[in-house]
Amino acid sequence: MISELYQLTDEIYRLTQTFSDKNREENIKKLEYLLLKRHDIIEKLPPKSRDHDWMGKKIVEMNKVIDQKLILIRHQIVVDLRLLKTKKKHNNSYVNPYETKSFDGMFYDKKN
C-alpha cells in the first residue's frame, strides 16, 4: 500500500516538474486523476509502520515540492483566465463598439 502511494507521489512529482503549456489540459486531467487516486490510497492507508519509514519521509519531501508546483500551476491558470477575459472584453468592444453604454449621467437621444 505504501509502495503504491510512493509510486503515485513520484509520478505526480515528475509530472509537476515537467508541466508545460503545450499539453496543459492533458496534464491537468492526468494530475486530477492521479491526485484523486492518491487521495483514495491515503484514506485506506494503515497506521505508520517502521518497515517503510524512509518511504514516508521521501513522500513528505516530494509532497512539499508538489504543493509548491501546484500553487504555481494554479496561479498560472488564473492569470491566463484573467487575460482571456480581458481579451474577450476588448475583442467584443472592437466587434460592436456601440454596445457599451455610458452610465455617467448623460442622456442620449436615440431619434437623432
PDB file of N, CA and C in Angstrom:
ATOM      1  N   MET A   1       0.830  -1.190   0.000  1.00  0.00           N
ATOM      2  CA  MET A   1       0.000   0.000   0.000  1.00  0.00           C
ATOM      3  C   MET A   1       0.880   1.261   0.000  1.00  0.00           C
ATOM      4  N   ILE A   2       1.884   1.283   0.870  1.00  0.00           N
ATOM      5  CA  ILE A   2       2.756   2.457   0.934  1.00  0.00           C
ATOM      6  C   ILE A   2       3.619   2.576  -0.322  1.00  0.00           C
ATOM      7  N   SER A   3       3.984   1.424  -0.897  1.00  0.00           N
ATOM      8  CA  SER A   3       4.789   1.486  -2.123  1.00  0.00           C
ATOM      9  C   SER A   3       3.959   2.031  -3.289  1.00  0.00           C
ATOM     10  N   GLU A   4       2.681   1.702  -3.319  1.00  0.00           N
ATOM     11  CA  GLU A   4       1.792   2.244  -4.357  1.00  0.00           C
ATOM     12  C   GLU A   4       1.632   3.756  -4.174  1.00  0.00           C
ATOM     13  N   LEU A   5       1.498   4.187  -2.929  1.00  0.00           N
ATOM     14  CA  LEU A   5       1.416   5.616  -2.629  1.00  0.00           C
ATOM     15  C   LEU A   5       2.700   6.317  -3.055  1.00  0.00           C
ATOM     16  N   TYR A   6       3.823   5.679  -2.785  1.00  0.00           N
ATOM     17  CA  TYR A   6       5.121   6.245  -3.166  1.00  0.00           C
ATOM     18  C   TYR A   6       5.215   6.384  -4.688  1.00  0.00           C
ATOM     19  N   GLN A   7       4.790   5.368  -5.424  1.00  0.00           N
ATOM     20  CA  GLN A   7       4.853   5.410  -6.886  1.00  0.00           C
ATOM     21  C   GLN A   7       3.959   6.521  -7.446  1.00  0.00           C
ATOM     22  N   LEU A   8       2.754   6.640  -6.886  1.00  0.00           N
ATOM     23  CA  LEU A   8       1.843   7.703  -7.340  1.00  0.00           C
ATOM     24  C   LEU A   8       2.420   9.080  -7.033  1.00  0.00           C
ATOM     25  N   THR A   9       2.953   9.242  -5.839  1.00  0.00           N
ATOM     26  CA  THR A   9       3.535  10.523  -5.462  1.00  0.00           C
ATOM     27  C   THR A   9       4.706  10.857  -6.364  1.00  0.00           C
ATOM     28  N   ASP A  10       5.518   9.868  -6.682  1.00  0.00           N
ATOM     29  CA  ASP A  10       6.655  10.078  -7.570  1.00  0.00           C
ATOM     30  C   ASP A  10       6.181  10.471  -8.969  1.00  0.00           C
ATOM     31  N   GLU A  11       5.126   9.840  -9.438  1.00  0.00           N
ATOM     32  CA  GLU A  11       4.584  10.175 -10.761  1.00  0.00           C
ATOM     33  C   GLU A  11       4.031  11.602 -10.784  1.00  0.00           C
ATOM     34  N   ILE A  12       3.328  11.978  -9.727  1.00  0.00           N
ATOM     35  CA  ILE A  12       2.812  13.348  -9.619  1.00  0.00           C
ATOM     36  C   ILE A  12       3.976  14.331  -9.559  1.00  0.00           C
ATOM     37  N   TYR A  13       5.003  13.983  -8.798  1.00  0.00           N
ATOM     38  CA  TYR A  13       6.188  14.828  -8.672  1.00  0.00           C
ATOM     39  C   TYR A  13       6.830  15.055 -10.042  1.00  0.00           C
ATOM     40  N   ARG A  14       7.028  13.979 -10.794  1.00  0.00           N
ATOM     41  CA  ARG A  14       7.639  14.100 -12.117  1.00  0.00           C
ATOM     42  C   ARG A  14       6.760  14.900 -13.068  1.00  0.00           C
ATOM     43  N   LEU A  15       5.452  14.704 -12.981  1.00  0.00           N
ATOM     44  CA  LEU A  15       4.537  15.434 -13.855  1.00  0.00           C
ATOM     45  C   LEU A  15       4.557  16.931 -13.551  1.00  0.00           C
ATOM     46  N   THR A  16       4.612  17.292 -12.274  1.00  0.00           N
ATOM     47  CA  THR A  16       4.646  18.718 -11.928  1.00  0.00           C
ATOM     48  C   THR A  16       5.977  19.354 -12.320  1.00  0.00           C
ATOM     49  N   GLN A  17       7.041  18.569 -12.317  1.00  0.00           N
ATOM     50  CA  GLN A  17       8.351  19.101 -12.711  1.00  0.00           C
ATOM     51  C   GLN A  17       8.430  19.368 -14.212  1.00  0.00           C
ATOM     52  N   THR A  18       7.727  18.579 -14.991  1.00  0.00           N
ATOM     53  CA  THR A  18       7.785  18.724 -16.448  1.00  0.00           C
ATOM     54  C   THR A  18       6.536  19.388 -17.020  1.00  0.00           C
ATOM     55  N   PHE A  19       5.744  20.013 -16.184  1.00  0.00           N
ATOM     56  CA  PHE A  19       4.495  20.647 -16.615  1.00  0.00           C
ATOM     57  C   PHE A  19       4.810  21.770 -17.598  1.00  0.00           C
ATOM     58  N   SER A  20       4.113  21.757 -18.730  1.00  0.00           N
ATOM     59  CA  SER A  20       4.321  22.799 -19.738  1.00  0.00           C
ATOM     60  C   SER A  20       2.973  23.252 -20.288  1.00  0.00           C
ATOM     61  N   ASP A  21       3.005  24.374 -20.978  1.00  0.00           N
ATOM     62  CA  ASP A  21       1.777  24.922 -21.558  1.00  0.00           C
ATOM     63  C   ASP A  21       1.326  24.170 -22.800  1.00  0.00           C
ATOM     64  N   LYS A  22       2.225  23.402 -23.396  1.00  0.00           N
ATOM     65  CA  LYS A  22       1.879  22.695 -24.630  1.00  0.00           C
ATOM     66  C   LYS A  22       0.719  21.724 -24.415  1.00  0.00           C
ATOM     67  N   ASN A  23       0.839  20.873 -23.445  1.00  0.00           N
ATOM     68  CA  ASN A  23      -0.182  19.850 -23.170  1.00  0.00           C
ATOM     69  C   ASN A  23      -0.865  20.138 -21.843  1.00  0.00           C
ATOM     70  N   ARG A  24      -1.177  21.381 -21.576  1.00  0.00           N
ATOM     71  CA  ARG A  24      -1.673  21.757 -20.262  1.00  0.00           C
ATOM     72  C   ARG A  24      -2.971  21.056 -19.900  1.00  0.00           C
ATOM     73  N   GLU A  25      -3.935  21.023 -20.807  1.00  0.00           N
ATOM     74  CA  GLU A  25      -5.219  20.392 -20.483  1.00  0.00           C
ATOM     75  C   GLU A  25      -5.045  18.904 -20.195  1.00  0.00           C
ATOM     76  N   GLU A  26      -4.254  18.254 -21.011  1.00  0.00           N
ATOM     77  CA  GLU A  26      -3.999  16.825 -20.813  1.00  0.00           C
ATOM     78  C   GLU A  26      -3.268  16.580 -19.485  1.00  0.00           C
ATOM     79  N   ASN A  27      -2.282  17.421 -19.190  1.00  0.00           N
ATOM     80  CA  ASN A  27      -1.546  17.283 -17.937  1.00  0.00           C
ATOM     81  C   ASN A  27      -2.428  17.554 -16.721  1.00  0.00           C
ATOM     82  N   ILE A  28      -3.323  18.515 -16.839  1.00  0.00           N
ATOM     83  CA  ILE A  28      -4.229  18.826 -15.721  1.00  0.00           C
ATOM     84  C   ILE A  28      -5.163  17.655 -15.466  1.00  0.00           C
ATOM     85  N   LYS A  29      -5.695  17.063 -16.530  1.00  0.00           N
ATOM     86  CA  LYS A  29      -6.575  15.907 -16.365  1.00  0.00           C
ATOM     87  C   LYS A  29      -5.830  14.742 -15.720  1.00  0.00           C
ATOM     88  N   LYS A  30      -4.599  14.530 -16.163  1.00  0.00           N
ATOM     89  CA  LYS A  30      -3.800  13.452 -15.589  1.00  0.00           C
ATOM     90  C   LYS A  30      -3.483  13.730 -14.119  1.00  0.00           C
ATOM     91  N   LEU A  31      -3.158  14.986 -13.814  1.00  0.00           N
ATOM     92  CA  LEU A  31      -2.897  15.363 -12.420  1.00  0.00           C
ATOM     93  C   LEU A  31      -4.127  15.146 -11.541  1.00  0.00           C
ATOM     94  N   GLU A  32      -5.276  15.559 -12.036  1.00  0.00           N
ATOM     95  CA  GLU A  32      -6.524  15.364 -11.281  1.00  0.00           C
ATOM     96  C   GLU A  32      -6.752  13.891 -10.981  1.00  0.00           C
ATOM     97  N   TYR A  33      -6.589  13.067 -12.004  1.00  0.00           N
ATOM     98  CA  TYR A  33      -6.792  11.626 -11.837  1.00  0.00           C
ATOM     99  C   TYR A  33      -5.820  11.056 -10.803  1.00  0.00           C
ATOM    100  N   LEU A  34      -4.544  11.405 -10.937  1.00  0.00           N
ATOM    101  CA  LEU A  34      -3.533  10.884 -10.020  1.00  0.00           C
ATOM    102  C   LEU A  34      -3.755  11.367  -8.590  1.00  0.00           C
ATOM    103  N   LEU A  35      -4.148  12.630  -8.441  1.00  0.00           N
ATOM    104  CA  LEU A  35      -4.395  13.160  -7.092  1.00  0.00           C
ATOM    105  C   LEU A  35      -5.592  12.478  -6.430  1.00  0.00           C
ATOM    106  N   LEU A  36      -6.644  12.224  -7.211  1.00  0.00           N
ATOM    107  CA  LEU A  36      -7.801  11.519  -6.660  1.00  0.00           C
ATOM    108  C   LEU A  36      -7.451  10.084  -6.276  1.00  0.00           C
ATOM    109  N   LYS A  37      -6.687   9.439  -7.132  1.00  0.00           N
ATOM    110  CA  LYS A  37      -6.257   8.072  -6.840  1.00  0.00           C
ATOM    111  C   LYS A  37      -5.386   8.036  -5.586  1.00  0.00           C
ATOM    112  N   ARG A  38      -4.486   9.003  -5.477  1.00  0.00           N
ATOM    113  CA  ARG A  38      -3.622   9.079  -4.294  1.00  0.00           C
ATOM    114  C   ARG A  38      -4.425   9.362  -3.037  1.00  0.00           C
ATOM    115  N   HIS A  39      -5.436  10.218  -3.161  1.00  0.00           N
ATOM    116  CA  HIS A  39      -6.302  10.526  -2.020  1.00  0.00           C
ATOM    117  C   HIS A  39      -6.998   9.261  -1.509  1.00  0.00           C
ATOM    118  N   ASP A  40      -7.479   8.433  -2.439  1.00  0.00           N
ATOM    119  CA  ASP A  40      -8.134   7.184  -2.052  1.00  0.00           C
ATOM    120  C   ASP A  40      -7.168   6.256  -1.320  1.00  0.00           C
ATOM    121  N   ILE A  41      -5.936   6.190  -1.798  1.00  0.00           N
ATOM    122  CA  ILE A  41      -4.942   5.332  -1.149  1.00  0.00           C
ATOM    123  C   ILE A  41      -4.594   5.860   0.232  1.00  0.00           C
ATOM    124  N   ILE A  42      -4.479   7.161   0.369  1.00  0.00           N
ATOM    125  CA  ILE A  42      -4.149   7.752   1.675  1.00  0.00           C
ATOM    126  C   ILE A  42      -5.240   7.439   2.694  1.00  0.00           C
ATOM    127  N   GLU A  43      -6.497   7.487   2.252  1.00  0.00           N
ATOM    128  CA  GLU A  43      -7.597   7.178   3.176  1.00  0.00           C
ATOM    129  C   GLU A  43      -7.567   5.723   3.639  1.00  0.00           C
ATOM    130  N   LYS A  44      -7.099   4.821   2.787  1.00  0.00           N
ATOM    131  CA  LYS A  44      -7.061   3.399   3.132  1.00  0.00           C
ATOM    132  C   LYS A  44      -5.752   2.997   3.819  1.00  0.00           C
ATOM    133  N   LEU A  45      -4.844   3.930   3.957  1.00  0.00           N
ATOM    134  CA  LEU A  45      -3.518   3.643   4.488  1.00  0.00           C
ATOM    135  C   LEU A  45      -3.593   3.226   5.955  1.00  0.00           C
ATOM    136  N   PRO A  46      -2.912   2.134   6.311  1.00  0.00           N
ATOM    137  CA  PRO A  46      -2.892   1.718   7.721  1.00  0.00           C
ATOM    138  C   PRO A  46      -2.006   2.650   8.542  1.00  0.00           C
ATOM    139  N   PRO A  47      -2.044   2.531   9.860  1.00  0.00           N
ATOM    140  CA  PRO A  47      -1.185   3.377  10.700  1.00  0.00           C
ATOM    141  C   PRO A  47       0.294   3.187  10.348  1.00  0.00           C
ATOM    142  N   LYS A  48       1.094   4.117  10.781  1.00  0.00           N
ATOM    143  CA  LYS A  48       2.523   4.149  10.454  1.00  0.00           C
ATOM    144  C   LYS A  48       3.225   2.856  10.874  1.00  0.00           C
ATOM    145  N   SER A  49       4.056   2.356   9.973  1.00  0.00           N
ATOM    146  CA  SER A  49       4.860   1.178  10.293  1.00  0.00           C
ATOM    147  C   SER A  49       6.324   1.503  10.064  1.00  0.00           C
ATOM    148  N   ARG A  50       7.200   0.886  10.807  1.00  0.00           N
ATOM    149  CA  ARG A  50       8.644   1.148  10.722  1.00  0.00           C
ATOM    150  C   ARG A  50       9.268   0.598   9.440  1.00  0.00           C
ATOM    151  N   ASP A  51       8.619  -0.356   8.815  1.00  0.00           N
ATOM    152  CA  ASP A  51       9.195  -1.005   7.641  1.00  0.00           C
ATOM    153  C   ASP A  51       9.426  -0.016   6.491  1.00  0.00           C
ATOM    154  N   HIS A  52       8.531   0.902   6.358  1.00  0.00           N
ATOM    155  CA  HIS A  52       8.593   1.832   5.220  1.00  0.00           C
ATOM    156  C   HIS A  52       8.795   3.264   5.691  1.00  0.00           C
ATOM    157  N   ASP A  53       9.571   3.446   6.743  1.00  0.00           N
ATOM    158  CA  ASP A  53       9.768   4.779   7.314  1.00  0.00           C
ATOM    159  C   ASP A  53      10.451   5.720   6.321  1.00  0.00           C
ATOM    160  N   TRP A  54      11.429   5.225   5.587  1.00  0.00           N
ATOM    161  CA  TRP A  54      12.146   6.067   4.633  1.00  0.00           C
ATOM    162  C   TRP A  54      11.247   6.488   3.484  1.00  0.00           C
ATOM    163  N   MET A  55      10.314   5.600   3.085  1.00  0.00           N
ATOM    164  CA  MET A  55       9.377   5.946   2.015  1.00  0.00           C
ATOM    165  C   MET A  55       8.458   7.073   2.476  1.00  0.00           C
ATOM    166  N   GLY A  56       8.007   6.988   3.699  1.00  0.00           N
ATOM    167  CA  GLY A  56       7.135   8.027   4.236  1.00  0.00           C
ATOM    168  C   GLY A  56       7.817   9.382   4.256  1.00  0.00           C
ATOM    169  N   LYS A  57       9.078   9.403   4.667  1.00  0.00           N
ATOM    170  CA  LYS A  57       9.825  10.664   4.693  1.00  0.00           C
ATOM    171  C   LYS A  57      10.026  11.220   3.285  1.00  0.00           C
ATOM    172  N   LYS A  58      10.314  10.324   2.357  1.00  0.00           N
ATOM    173  CA  LYS A  58      10.511  10.748   0.969  1.00  0.00           C
ATOM    174  C   LYS A  58       9.206  11.281   0.375  1.00  0.00           C
ATOM    175  N   ILE A  59       8.091  10.626   0.714  1.00  0.00           N
ATOM    176  CA  ILE A  59       6.780  11.085   0.234  1.00  0.00           C
ATOM    177  C   ILE A  59       6.486  12.486   0.764  1.00  0.00           C
ATOM    178  N   VAL A  60       6.791  12.724   2.040  1.00  0.00           N
ATOM    179  CA  VAL A  60       6.551  14.047   2.635  1.00  0.00           C
ATOM    180  C   VAL A  60       7.411  15.099   1.943  1.00  0.00           C
ATOM    181  N   GLU A  61       8.670  14.770   1.660  1.00  0.00           N
ATOM    182  CA  GLU A  61       9.552  15.717   0.969  1.00  0.00           C
ATOM    183  C   GLU A  61       9.026  16.033  -0.433  1.00  0.00           C
ATOM    184  N   MET A  62       8.645  14.991  -1.164  1.00  0.00           N
ATOM    185  CA  MET A  62       8.118  15.200  -2.512  1.00  0.00           C
ATOM    186  C   MET A  62       6.819  15.989  -2.460  1.00  0.00           C
ATOM    187  N   ASN A  63       6.012  15.728  -1.449  1.00  0.00           N
ATOM    188  CA  ASN A  63       4.719  16.405  -1.333  1.00  0.00           C
ATOM    189  C   ASN A  63       4.889  17.913  -1.142  1.00  0.00           C
ATOM    190  N   LYS A  64       5.925  18.324  -0.416  1.00  0.00           N
ATOM    191  CA  LYS A  64       6.181  19.760  -0.238  1.00  0.00           C
ATOM    192  C   LYS A  64       6.465  20.424  -1.580  1.00  0.00           C
ATOM    193  N   VAL A  65       7.269  19.766  -2.403  1.00  0.00           N
ATOM    194  CA  VAL A  65       7.588  20.315  -3.726  1.00  0.00           C
ATOM    195  C   VAL A  65       6.353  20.286  -4.618  1.00  0.00           C
ATOM    196  N   ILE A  66       5.597  19.203  -4.549  1.00  0.00           N
ATOM    197  CA  ILE A  66       4.370  19.085  -5.345  1.00  0.00           C
ATOM    198  C   ILE A  66       3.404  20.209  -5.002  1.00  0.00           C
ATOM    199  N   ASP A  67       3.220  20.478  -3.708  1.00  0.00           N
ATOM    200  CA  ASP A  67       2.310  21.550  -3.291  1.00  0.00           C
ATOM    201  C   ASP A  67       2.732  22.894  -3.856  1.00  0.00           C
ATOM    202  N   GLN A  68       4.024  23.183  -3.810  1.00  0.00           N
ATOM    203  CA  GLN A  68       4.510  24.452  -4.355  1.00  0.00           C
ATOM    204  C   GLN A  68       4.278  24.531  -5.864  1.00  0.00           C
ATOM    205  N   LYS A  69       4.554  23.453  -6.561  1.00  0.00           N
ATOM    206  CA  LYS A  69       4.356  23.435  -8.014  1.00  0.00           C
ATOM    207  C   LYS A  69       2.880  23.577  -8.373  1.00  0.00           C
ATOM    208  N   LEU A  70       1.999  22.905  -7.626  1.00  0.00           N
ATOM    209  CA  LEU A  70       0.565  23.008  -7.905  1.00  0.00           C
ATOM    210  C   LEU A  70       0.064  24.428  -7.668  1.00  0.00           C
ATOM    211  N   ILE A  71       0.612  25.105  -6.673  1.00  0.00           N
ATOM    212  CA  ILE A  71       0.233  26.503  -6.432  1.00  0.00           C
ATOM    213  C   ILE A  71       0.671  27.365  -7.615  1.00  0.00           C
ATOM    214  N   LEU A  72       1.876  27.125  -8.129  1.00  0.00           N
ATOM    215  CA  LEU A  72       2.344  27.881  -9.296  1.00  0.00           C
ATOM    216  C   LEU A  72       1.502  27.597 -10.532  1.00  0.00           C
ATOM    217  N   ILE A  73       1.152  26.336 -10.729  1.00  0.00           N
ATOM    218  CA  ILE A  73       0.321  25.964 -11.877  1.00  0.00           C
ATOM    219  C   ILE A  73      -1.051  26.624 -11.759  1.00  0.00           C
ATOM    220  N   ARG A  74      -1.631  26.592 -10.573  1.00  0.00           N
ATOM    221  CA  ARG A  74      -2.941  27.215 -10.355  1.00  0.00           C
ATOM    222  C   ARG A  74      -2.866  28.714 -10.615  1.00  0.00           C
ATOM    223  N   HIS A  75      -1.805  29.356 -10.128  1.00  0.00           N
ATOM    224  CA  HIS A  75      -1.636  30.790 -10.344  1.00  0.00           C
ATOM    225  C   HIS A  75      -1.518  31.103 -11.837  1.00  0.00           C
ATOM    226  N   GLN A  76      -0.784  30.272 -12.550  1.00  0.00           N
ATOM    227  CA  GLN A  76      -0.625  30.455 -13.993  1.00  0.00           C
ATOM    228  C   GLN A  76      -1.971  30.337 -14.704  1.00  0.00           C
ATOM    229  N   ILE A  77      -2.784  29.393 -14.286  1.00  0.00           N
ATOM    230  CA  ILE A  77      -4.106  29.209 -14.900  1.00  0.00           C
ATOM    231  C   ILE A  77      -4.997  30.411 -14.606  1.00  0.00           C
ATOM    232  N   VAL A  78      -4.960  30.910 -13.365  1.00  0.00           N
ATOM    233  CA  VAL A  78      -5.769  32.079 -13.001  1.00  0.00           C
ATOM    234  C   VAL A  78      -5.355  33.290 -13.829  1.00  0.00           C
ATOM    235  N   VAL A  79      -4.051  33.486 -14.000  1.00  0.00           N
ATOM    236  CA  VAL A  79      -3.561  34.601 -14.806  1.00  0.00           C
ATOM    237  C   VAL A  79      -4.034  34.452 -16.253  1.00  0.00           C
ATOM    238  N   ASP A  80      -3.945  33.250 -16.788  1.00  0.00           N
ATOM    239  CA  ASP A  80      -4.399  33.014 -18.160  1.00  0.00           C
ATOM    240  C   ASP A  80      -5.894  33.261 -18.317  1.00  0.00           C
ATOM    241  N   LEU A  81      -6.676  32.868 -17.319  1.00  0.00           N
ATOM    242  CA  LEU A  81      -8.120  33.112 -17.374  1.00  0.00           C
ATOM    243  C   LEU A  81      -8.424  34.609 -17.345  1.00  0.00           C
ATOM    244  N   ARG A  82      -7.686  35.358 -16.532  1.00  0.00           N
ATOM    245  CA  ARG A  82      -7.889  36.810 -16.493  1.00  0.00           C
ATOM    246  C   ARG A  82      -7.533  37.448 -17.838  1.00  0.00           C
ATOM    247  N   LEU A  83      -6.422  37.000 -18.429  1.00  0.00           N
ATOM    248  CA  LEU A  83      -6.035  37.520 -19.735  1.00  0.00           C
ATOM    249  C   LEU A  83      -7.078  37.189 -20.794  1.00  0.00           C
ATOM    250  N   LEU A  84      -7.598  35.978 -20.751  1.00  0.00           N
ATOM    251  CA  LEU A  84      -8.622  35.577 -21.705  1.00  0.00           C
ATOM    252  C   LEU A  84      -9.876  36.426 -21.551  1.00  0.00           C
ATOM    253  N   LYS A  85     -10.265  36.689 -20.316  1.00  0.00           N
ATOM    254  CA  LYS A  85     -11.448  37.512 -20.056  1.00  0.00           C
ATOM    255  C   LYS A  85     -11.234  38.933 -20.574  1.00  0.00           C
ATOM    256  N   THR A  86     -10.031  39.470 -20.356  1.00  0.00           N
ATOM    257  CA  THR A  86      -9.714  40.816 -20.835  1.00  0.00           C
ATOM    258  C   THR A  86      -9.705  40.863 -22.358  1.00  0.00           C
ATOM    259  N   LYS A  87      -9.102  39.855 -22.982  1.00  0.00           N
ATOM    260  CA  LYS A  87      -9.071  39.810 -24.443  1.00  0.00           C
ATOM    261  C   LYS A  87     -10.476  39.704 -25.015  1.00  0.00           C
ATOM    262  N   LYS A  88     -11.297  38.896 -24.372  1.00  0.00           N
ATOM    263  CA  LYS A  88     -12.677  38.732 -24.833  1.00  0.00           C
ATOM    264  C   LYS A  88     -13.432  40.056 -24.750  1.00  0.00           C
ATOM    265  N   LYS A  89     -13.222  40.779 -23.655  1.00  0.00           N
ATOM    266  CA  LYS A  89     -13.901  42.067 -23.459  1.00  0.00           C
ATOM    267  C   LYS A  89     -13.442  43.073 -24.514  1.00  0.00           C
ATOM    268  N   HIS A  90     -12.128  43.137 -24.750  1.00  0.00           N
ATOM    269  CA  HIS A  90     -11.616  44.075 -25.744  1.00  0.00           C
ATOM    270  C   HIS A  90     -12.041  43.680 -27.153  1.00  0.00           C
ATOM    271  N   ASN A  91     -12.032  42.411 -27.451  1.00  0.00           N
ATOM    272  CA  ASN A  91     -12.462  41.941 -28.769  1.00  0.00           C
ATOM    273  C   ASN A  91     -13.927  42.292 -29.000  1.00  0.00           C
ATOM    274  N   ASN A  92     -14.748  42.121 -27.985  1.00  0.00           N
ATOM    275  CA  ASN A  92     -16.170  42.450 -28.099  1.00  0.00           C
ATOM    276  C   ASN A  92     -16.360  43.952 -28.337  1.00  0.00           C
ATOM    277  N   SER A  93     -15.528  44.773 -27.723  1.00  0.00           N
ATOM    278  CA  SER A  93     -15.667  46.223 -27.929  1.00  0.00           C
ATOM    279  C   SER A  93     -15.253  46.624 -29.340  1.00  0.00           C
ATOM    280  N   TYR A  94     -14.356  45.865 -29.979  1.00  0.00           N
ATOM    281  CA  TYR A  94     -13.993  46.149 -31.371  1.00  0.00           C
ATOM    282  C   TYR A  94     -15.062  45.649 -32.340  1.00  0.00           C
ATOM    283  N   VAL A  95     -15.670  44.516 -32.024  1.00  0.00           N
ATOM    284  CA  VAL A  95     -16.694  43.956 -32.895  1.00  0.00           C
ATOM    285  C   VAL A  95     -17.941  44.828 -32.871  1.00  0.00           C
ATOM    286  N   ASN A  96     -18.347  45.264 -31.707  1.00  0.00           N
ATOM    287  CA  ASN A  96     -19.544  46.084 -31.568  1.00  0.00           C
ATOM    288  C   ASN A  96     -19.216  47.274 -30.666  1.00  0.00           C
ATOM    289  N   PRO A  97     -18.664  48.352 -31.238  1.00  0.00           N
ATOM    290  CA  PRO A  97     -18.213  49.476 -30.409  1.00  0.00           C
ATOM    291  C   PRO A  97     -19.344  50.272 -29.753  1.00  0.00           C
ATOM    292  N   TYR A  98     -20.549  50.149 -30.268  1.00  0.00           N
ATOM    293  CA  TYR A  98     -21.651  50.947 -29.724  1.00  0.00           C
ATOM    294  C   TYR A  98     -22.461  50.194 -28.684  1.00  0.00           C
ATOM    295  N   GLU A  99     -22.052  48.978 -28.381  1.00  0.00           N
ATOM    296  CA  GLU A  99     -22.788  48.179 -27.405  1.00  0.00           C
ATOM    297  C   GLU A  99     -22.572  48.682 -25.979  1.00  0.00           C
ATOM    298  N   THR A 100     -21.369  49.161 -25.696  1.00  0.00           N
ATOM    299  CA  THR A 100     -21.093  49.630 -24.346  1.00  0.00           C
ATOM    300  C   THR A 100     -21.866  50.909 -24.091  1.00  0.00           C
ATOM    301  N   LYS A 101     -22.450  50.951 -22.951  1.00  0.00           N
ATOM    302  CA  LYS A 101     -23.269  52.105 -22.596  1.00  0.00           C
ATOM    303  C   LYS A 101     -22.586  52.889 -21.496  1.00  0.00           C
ATOM    304  N   SER A 102     -22.694  54.187 -21.595  1.00  0.00           N
ATOM    305  CA  SER A 102     -22.096  55.056 -20.594  1.00  0.00           C
ATOM    306  C   SER A 102     -23.130  55.357 -19.522  1.00  0.00           C
ATOM    307  N   PHE A 103     -22.716  55.224 -18.290  1.00  0.00           N
ATOM    308  CA  PHE A 103     -23.621  55.494 -17.180  1.00  0.00           C
ATOM    309  C   PHE A 103     -23.123  56.701 -16.382  1.00  0.00           C
ATOM    310  N   ASP A 104     -22.682  57.727 -17.093  1.00  0.00           N
ATOM    311  CA  ASP A 104     -22.138  58.898 -16.403  1.00  0.00           C
ATOM    312  C   ASP A 104     -23.181  59.998 -16.207  1.00  0.00           C
ATOM    313  N   GLY A 105     -24.434  59.695 -16.433  1.00  0.00           N
ATOM    314  CA  GLY A 105     -25.498  60.661 -16.194  1.00  0.00           C
ATOM    315  C   GLY A 105     -25.942  61.396 -17.435  1.00  0.00           C
ATOM    316  N   MET A 106     -25.341  61.110 -18.558  1.00  0.00           N
ATOM    317  CA  MET A 106     -25.738  61.793 -19.790  1.00  0.00           C
ATOM    318  C   MET A 106     -26.904  61.049 -20.428  1.00  0.00           C
ATOM    319  N   PHE A 107     -27.736  61.804 -21.141  1.00  0.00           N
ATOM    320  CA  PHE A 107     -28.858  61.220 -21.849  1.00  0.00           C
ATOM    321  C   PHE A 107     -28.582  61.264 -23.337  1.00  0.00           C
ATOM    322  N   TYR A 108     -28.719  60.116 -23.979  1.00  0.00           N
ATOM    323  CA  TYR A 108     -28.541  60.052 -25.433  1.00  0.00           C
ATOM    324  C   TYR A 108     -29.892  59.929 -26.093  1.00  0.00           C
ATOM    325  N   ASP A 109     -30.167  60.824 -27.048  1.00  0.00           N
ATOM    326  CA  ASP A 109     -31.414  60.780 -27.786  1.00  0.00           C
ATOM    327  C   ASP A 109     -31.262  59.804 -28.935  1.00  0.00           C
ATOM    328  N   LYS A 110     -32.101  58.785 -28.951  1.00  0.00           N
ATOM    329  CA  LYS A 110     -31.992  57.749 -29.969  1.00  0.00           C
ATOM    330  C   LYS A 110     -32.632  58.158 -31.292  1.00  0.00           C
ATOM    331  N   LYS A 111     -33.462  59.189 -31.303  1.00  0.00           N
ATOM    332  CA  LYS A 111     -34.173  59.596 -32.516  1.00  0.00           C
ATOM    333  C   LYS A 111     -33.269  60.300 -33.505  1.00  0.00           C
ATOM    334  N   ASN A 112     -32.275  60.945 -33.031  1.00  0.00           N
ATOM    335  CA  ASN A 112     -31.402  61.700 -33.940  1.00  0.00           C
ATOM    336  C   ASN A 112     -30.291  60.871 -34.407  1.00  0.00           C
TER     337      ASN A 112
END
